[in-house]
Amino acid sequence: AQQGRVREKVYGKQKIYFADQEQLPAASDAELRGLDGEIAARSAQMQALQQSCRHMEAELKDLNSSMTTPEIAREIEALRKDCASYTEKLERIKSATNHVTPEEKEKVCREQQLFRREWRRRKRMATELLDAILEGYPKSKKQFFEEVGIETDEDHGVVLPAT
């Protein structure tokens, strides 16, 4: 600093030393334009390299998430076993002799619908009758059911099937 090669600035208790730029040669406009062009070229090169790096990272991520050859071989073998078991099951179903005809299936569906309708009708009648009795009954519905010995569908977890 005393020789003048480095300058010193004092900020309170701190001292900052930096190169004295007056001793450096001044750059011409042509040199500055050349340096600006070099900066632009290097920035473009850096952008291209960053783009390439992102592309390679994405490719690496894809490769890491894909299955390896041994894993694929195991997966193919498992799928072949599943396919064989399903084929065997299909053959057993095809060779079975106790098939249900569409007419029998339709008959069973009609009967189920009839029974479901009858169940609803009888449940509604019983509920209306019990509600009429409970209007004049001094105790609760639950106590009445216990005294008379009535068991409801809900007590046994039975749900009326949907249509």
C-alpha atoms as a PDB file:
ATOM      1  CA  ALA A   1       0.000   0.000   0.000  1.00  0.00           C
ATOM      2  CA  GLN A   2       2.925   2.345   0.769  1.00  0.00           C
ATOM      3  CA  GLN A   3       4.504   1.559  -2.598  1.00  0.00           C
ATOM      4  CA  GLY A   4       1.208   2.337  -4.362  1.00  0.00           C
ATOM      5  CA  ARG A   5       0.581  -1.055  -5.942  1.00  0.00           C
ATOM      6  CA  VAL A   6      -2.323  -1.832  -3.589  1.00  0.00           C
ATOM      7  CA  ARG A   7      -4.812   0.708  -2.302  1.00  0.00           C
ATOM      8  CA  GLU A   8      -6.242   0.742   1.181  1.00  0.00           C
ATOM      9  CA  LYS A   9      -9.623   1.988   2.407  1.00  0.00           C
ATOM     10  CA  VAL A  10     -10.490   2.226   6.072  1.00  0.00           C
ATOM     11  CA  TYR A  11     -14.066   1.754   7.239  1.00  0.00           C
ATOM     12  CA  GLY A  12     -14.082   2.174  11.008  1.00  0.00           C
ATOM     13  CA  LYS A  13     -11.991  -0.675  12.384  1.00  0.00           C
ATOM     14  CA  GLN A  14     -11.913  -2.497   9.050  1.00  0.00           C
ATOM     15  CA  LYS A  15      -9.387  -2.037   6.293  1.00  0.00           C
ATOM     16  CA  ILE A  16      -9.990  -3.108   2.730  1.00  0.00           C
ATOM     17  CA  TYR A  17      -7.109  -3.667   0.289  1.00  0.00           C
ATOM     18  CA  PHE A  18      -7.597  -3.817  -3.475  1.00  0.00           C
ATOM     19  CA  ALA A  19      -5.465  -3.500  -6.584  1.00  0.00           C
ATOM     20  CA  ASP A  20      -4.844   0.005  -7.819  1.00  0.00           C
ATOM     21  CA  GLN A  21      -6.525   0.039 -11.228  1.00  0.00           C
ATOM     22  CA  GLU A  22      -4.888   3.282 -12.289  1.00  0.00           C
ATOM     23  CA  GLN A  23      -1.654   1.326 -12.805  1.00  0.00           C
ATOM     24  CA  LEU A  24      -3.352  -1.116 -15.179  1.00  0.00           C
ATOM     25  CA  PRO A  25      -3.385  -0.267 -18.869  1.00  0.00           C
ATOM     26  CA  ALA A  26      -6.738   1.048 -20.150  1.00  0.00           C
ATOM     27  CA  ALA A  27      -8.490  -1.200 -22.644  1.00  0.00           C
ATOM     28  CA  SER A  28      -9.413   0.193 -26.038  1.00  0.00           C
ATOM     29  CA  ASP A  29     -12.941   0.104 -27.443  1.00  0.00           C
ATOM     30  CA  ALA A  30     -11.948  -2.681 -29.828  1.00  0.00           C
ATOM     31  CA  GLU A  31     -10.615  -4.786 -26.942  1.00  0.00           C
ATOM     32  CA  LEU A  32     -13.827  -4.156 -24.952  1.00  0.00           C
ATOM     33  CA  ARG A  33     -15.974  -5.154 -27.925  1.00  0.00           C
ATOM     34  CA  GLY A  34     -13.834  -8.270 -28.344  1.00  0.00           C
ATOM     35  CA  LEU A  35     -14.220  -9.141 -24.684  1.00  0.00           C
ATOM     36  CA  ASP A  36     -18.006  -8.531 -24.900  1.00  0.00           C
ATOM     37  CA  GLY A  37     -18.176 -10.865 -27.897  1.00  0.00           C
ATOM     38  CA  GLU A  38     -16.154 -13.484 -26.030  1.00  0.00           C
ATOM     39  CA  ILE A  39     -18.485 -13.145 -23.027  1.00  0.00           C
ATOM     40  CA  ALA A  40     -21.522 -13.605 -25.281  1.00  0.00           C
ATOM     41  CA  ALA A  41     -19.947 -16.655 -26.962  1.00  0.00           C
ATOM     42  CA  ARG A  42     -19.046 -18.181 -23.609  1.00  0.00           C
ATOM     43  CA  SER A  43     -22.566 -17.475 -22.263  1.00  0.00           C
ATOM     44  CA  ALA A  44     -24.098 -19.204 -25.295  1.00  0.00           C
ATOM     45  CA  GLN A  45     -21.691 -22.115 -24.829  1.00  0.00           C
ATOM     46  CA  MET A  46     -22.647 -22.292 -21.132  1.00  0.00           C
ATOM     47  CA  GLN A  47     -26.385 -22.282 -22.028  1.00  0.00           C
ATOM     48  CA  ALA A  48     -25.825 -25.122 -24.509  1.00  0.00           C
ATOM     49  CA  LEU A  49     -23.883 -27.122 -21.924  1.00  0.00           C
ATOM     50  CA  GLN A  50     -26.587 -26.533 -19.280  1.00  0.00           C
ATOM     51  CA  GLN A  51     -29.264 -27.657 -21.742  1.00  0.00           C
ATOM     52  CA  SER A  52     -27.229 -30.748 -22.564  1.00  0.00           C
ATOM     53  CA  CYS A  53     -26.729 -31.437 -18.848  1.00  0.00           C
ATOM     54  CA  ARG A  54     -30.487 -31.165 -18.172  1.00  0.00           C
ATOM     55  CA  HIS A  55     -31.199 -33.513 -21.069  1.00  0.00           C
ATOM     56  CA  MET A  56     -28.655 -36.037 -19.785  1.00  0.00           C
ATOM     57  CA  GLU A  57     -30.036 -35.799 -16.240  1.00  0.00           C
ATOM     58  CA  ALA A  58     -33.557 -36.475 -17.534  1.00  0.00           C
ATOM     59  CA  GLU A  59     -32.260 -39.447 -19.523  1.00  0.00           C
ATOM     60  CA  LEU A  60     -30.414 -40.737 -16.448  1.00  0.00           C
ATOM     61  CA  LYS A  61     -33.590 -40.400 -14.381  1.00  0.00           C
ATOM     62  CA  ASP A  62     -35.537 -42.366 -17.005  1.00  0.00           C
ATOM     63  CA  LEU A  63     -32.888 -45.071 -17.102  1.00  0.00           C
ATOM     64  CA  ASN A  64     -32.745 -45.332 -13.310  1.00  0.00           C
ATOM     65  CA  SER A  65     -36.525 -45.657 -13.069  1.00  0.00           C
ATOM     66  CA  SER A  66     -36.743 -48.343 -15.748  1.00  0.00           C
ATOM     67  CA  MET A  67     -36.375 -52.043 -14.997  1.00  0.00           C
ATOM     68  CA  THR A  68     -33.132 -53.901 -15.437  1.00  0.00           C
ATOM     69  CA  THR A  69     -32.851 -56.989 -17.623  1.00  0.00           C
ATOM     70  CA  PRO A  70     -32.992 -59.475 -14.688  1.00  0.00           C
ATOM     71  CA  GLU A  71     -35.997 -57.637 -13.231  1.00  0.00           C
ATOM     72  CA  ILE A  72     -37.781 -57.789 -16.585  1.00  0.00           C
ATOM     73  CA  ALA A  73     -36.987 -61.490 -16.875  1.00  0.00           C
ATOM     74  CA  ARG A  74     -38.511 -62.117 -13.421  1.00  0.00           C
ATOM     75  CA  GLU A  75     -41.562 -60.025 -14.319  1.00  0.00           C
ATOM     76  CA  ILE A  76     -42.053 -61.935 -17.589  1.00  0.00           C
ATOM     77  CA  GLU A  77     -41.784 -65.247 -15.745  1.00  0.00           C
ATOM     78  CA  ALA A  78     -44.362 -64.136 -13.151  1.00  0.00           C
ATOM     79  CA  LEU A  79     -46.724 -62.985 -15.898  1.00  0.00           C
ATOM     80  CA  ARG A  80     -46.319 -66.302 -17.737  1.00  0.00           C
ATOM     81  CA  LYS A  81     -47.224 -68.185 -14.542  1.00  0.00           C
ATOM     82  CA  ASP A  82     -50.299 -65.976 -14.066  1.00  0.00           C
ATOM     83  CA  CYS A  83     -51.281 -66.511 -17.686  1.00  0.00           C
ATOM     84  CA  ALA A  84     -50.911 -70.283 -17.326  1.00  0.00           C
ATOM     85  CA  SER A  85     -53.040 -70.342 -14.163  1.00  0.00           C
ATOM     86  CA  TYR A  86     -55.743 -68.222 -15.814  1.00  0.00           C
ATOM     87  CA  THR A  87     -55.706 -70.443 -18.891  1.00  0.00           C
ATOM     88  CA  GLU A  88     -56.083 -73.506 -16.668  1.00  0.00           C
ATOM     89  CA  LYS A  89     -58.956 -71.873 -14.780  1.00  0.00           C
ATOM     90  CA  LEU A  90     -60.651 -70.960 -18.072  1.00  0.00           C
ATOM     91  CA  GLU A  91     -60.329 -74.537 -19.322  1.00  0.00           C
ATOM     92  CA  ARG A  92     -61.871 -75.854 -16.090  1.00  0.00           C
ATOM     93  CA  ILE A  93     -64.779 -73.447 -16.457  1.00  0.00           C
ATOM     94  CA  LYS A  94     -65.276 -74.380 -20.114  1.00  0.00           C
ATOM     95  CA  SER A  95     -65.170 -78.100 -19.357  1.00  0.00           C
ATOM     96  CA  ALA A  96     -67.650 -77.868 -16.463  1.00  0.00           C
ATOM     97  CA  THR A  97     -70.972 -79.532 -17.161  1.00  0.00           C
ATOM     98  CA  ASN A  98     -73.140 -77.636 -14.699  1.00  0.00           C
ATOM     99  CA  HIS A  99     -73.590 -74.440 -16.701  1.00  0.00           C
ATOM    100  CA  VAL A 100     -76.510 -72.170 -15.891  1.00  0.00           C
ATOM    101  CA  THR A 101     -78.656 -71.396 -18.871  1.00  0.00           C
ATOM    102  CA  PRO A 102     -79.778 -67.822 -19.506  1.00  0.00           C
ATOM    103  CA  GLU A 103     -83.389 -68.890 -18.873  1.00  0.00           C
ATOM    104  CA  GLU A 104     -82.491 -70.305 -15.438  1.00  0.00           C
ATOM    105  CA  LYS A 105     -80.518 -67.165 -14.600  1.00  0.00           C
ATOM    106  CA  GLU A 106     -83.455 -64.949 -15.621  1.00  0.00           C
ATOM    107  CA  LYS A 107     -85.829 -67.066 -13.525  1.00  0.00           C
ATOM    108  CA  VAL A 108     -83.608 -66.760 -10.441  1.00  0.00           C
ATOM    109  CA  CYS A 109     -83.303 -62.984 -10.940  1.00  0.00           C
ATOM    110  CA  ARG A 110     -87.094 -62.611 -11.212  1.00  0.00           C
ATOM    111  CA  GLU A 111     -87.595 -64.681  -8.046  1.00  0.00           C
ATOM    112  CA  GLN A 112     -85.040 -62.600  -6.169  1.00  0.00           C
ATOM    113  CA  GLN A 113     -86.773 -59.409  -7.271  1.00  0.00           C
ATOM    114  CA  LEU A 114     -90.139 -60.794  -6.154  1.00  0.00           C
ATOM    115  CA  PHE A 115     -88.777 -61.825  -2.739  1.00  0.00           C
ATOM    116  CA  ARG A 116     -87.036 -58.476  -2.274  1.00  0.00           C
ATOM    117  CA  ARG A 117     -90.279 -56.613  -3.078  1.00  0.00           C
ATOM    118  CA  GLU A 118     -92.221 -58.816  -0.627  1.00  0.00           C
ATOM    119  CA  TRP A 119     -89.566 -58.271   2.065  1.00  0.00           C
ATOM    120  CA  ARG A 120     -89.882 -54.477   1.678  1.00  0.00           C
ATOM    121  CA  ARG A 121     -93.677 -54.634   1.761  1.00  0.00           C
ATOM    122  CA  ARG A 122     -93.781 -56.775   4.918  1.00  0.00           C
ATOM    123  CA  LYS A 123     -91.109 -54.681   6.651  1.00  0.00           C
ATOM    124  CA  ARG A 124     -93.054 -51.495   5.877  1.00  0.00           C
ATOM    125  CA  MET A 125     -96.301 -53.052   7.209  1.00  0.00           C
ATOM    126  CA  ALA A 126     -94.577 -54.222  10.407  1.00  0.00           C
ATOM    127  CA  THR A 127     -92.961 -50.824  10.936  1.00  0.00           C
ATOM    128  CA  GLU A 128     -96.281 -49.019  10.488  1.00  0.00           C
ATOM    129  CA  LEU A 129     -98.014 -51.401  12.898  1.00  0.00           C
ATOM    130  CA  LEU A 130     -95.270 -51.046  15.528  1.00  0.00           C
ATOM    131  CA  ASP A 131     -95.293 -47.241  15.162  1.00  0.00           C
ATOM    132  CA  ALA A 132     -99.050 -47.230  15.769  1.00  0.00           C
ATOM    133  CA  ILE A 133     -98.612 -49.351  18.910  1.00  0.00           C
ATOM    134  CA  LEU A 134     -95.736 -47.176  20.159  1.00  0.00           C
ATOM    135  CA  GLU A 135     -97.861 -44.001  19.943  1.00  0.00           C
ATOM    136  CA  GLY A 136     -99.672 -44.980  23.110  1.00  0.00           C
ATOM    137  CA  TYR A 137     -96.856 -46.958  24.734  1.00  0.00           C
ATOM    138  CA  PRO A 138     -95.246 -45.176  27.708  1.00  0.00           C
ATOM    139  CA  LYS A 139     -91.749 -46.627  27.309  1.00  0.00           C
ATOM    140  CA  SER A 140     -89.159 -46.337  24.548  1.00  0.00           C
ATOM    141  CA  LYS A 141     -89.178 -48.270  21.285  1.00  0.00           C
ATOM    142  CA  LYS A 142     -86.140 -50.287  22.375  1.00  0.00           C
ATOM    143  CA  GLN A 143     -87.781 -51.300  25.680  1.00  0.00           C
ATOM    144  CA  PHE A 144     -90.955 -52.333  23.839  1.00  0.00           C
ATOM    145  CA  PHE A 145     -88.975 -54.488  21.419  1.00  0.00           C
ATOM    146  CA  GLU A 146     -87.174 -56.164  24.351  1.00  0.00           C
ATOM    147  CA  GLU A 147     -90.415 -56.866  26.247  1.00  0.00           C
ATOM    148  CA  VAL A 148     -92.224 -58.311  23.224  1.00  0.00           C
ATOM    149  CA  GLY A 149     -89.095 -60.077  21.883  1.00  0.00           C
ATOM    150  CA  ILE A 150     -88.921 -58.406  18.501  1.00  0.00           C
ATOM    151  CA  GLU A 151     -85.635 -58.713  16.611  1.00  0.00           C
ATOM    152  CA  THR A 152     -85.023 -56.314  13.737  1.00  0.00           C
ATOM    153  CA  ASP A 153     -82.885 -56.683  10.626  1.00  0.00           C
ATOM    154  CA  GLU A 154     -80.535 -54.060  12.026  1.00  0.00           C
ATOM    155  CA  ASP A 155     -80.010 -56.079  15.220  1.00  0.00           C
ATOM    156  CA  HIS A 156     -78.568 -58.885  13.135  1.00  0.00           C
ATOM    157  CA  GLY A 157     -76.724 -56.678  10.633  1.00  0.00           C
ATOM    158  CA  VAL A 158     -78.987 -57.698   7.749  1.00  0.00           C
ATOM    159  CA  VAL A 159     -79.342 -55.167   4.943  1.00  0.00           C
ATOM    160  CA  LEU A 160     -82.037 -55.252   2.316  1.00  0.00           C
ATOM    161  CA  PRO A 161     -80.331 -55.987  -1.040  1.00  0.00           C
ATOM    162  CA  ALA A 162     -80.261 -53.203  -3.591  1.00  0.00           C
ATOM    163  CA  THR A 163     -82.323 -53.506  -6.750  1.00  0.00           C
END
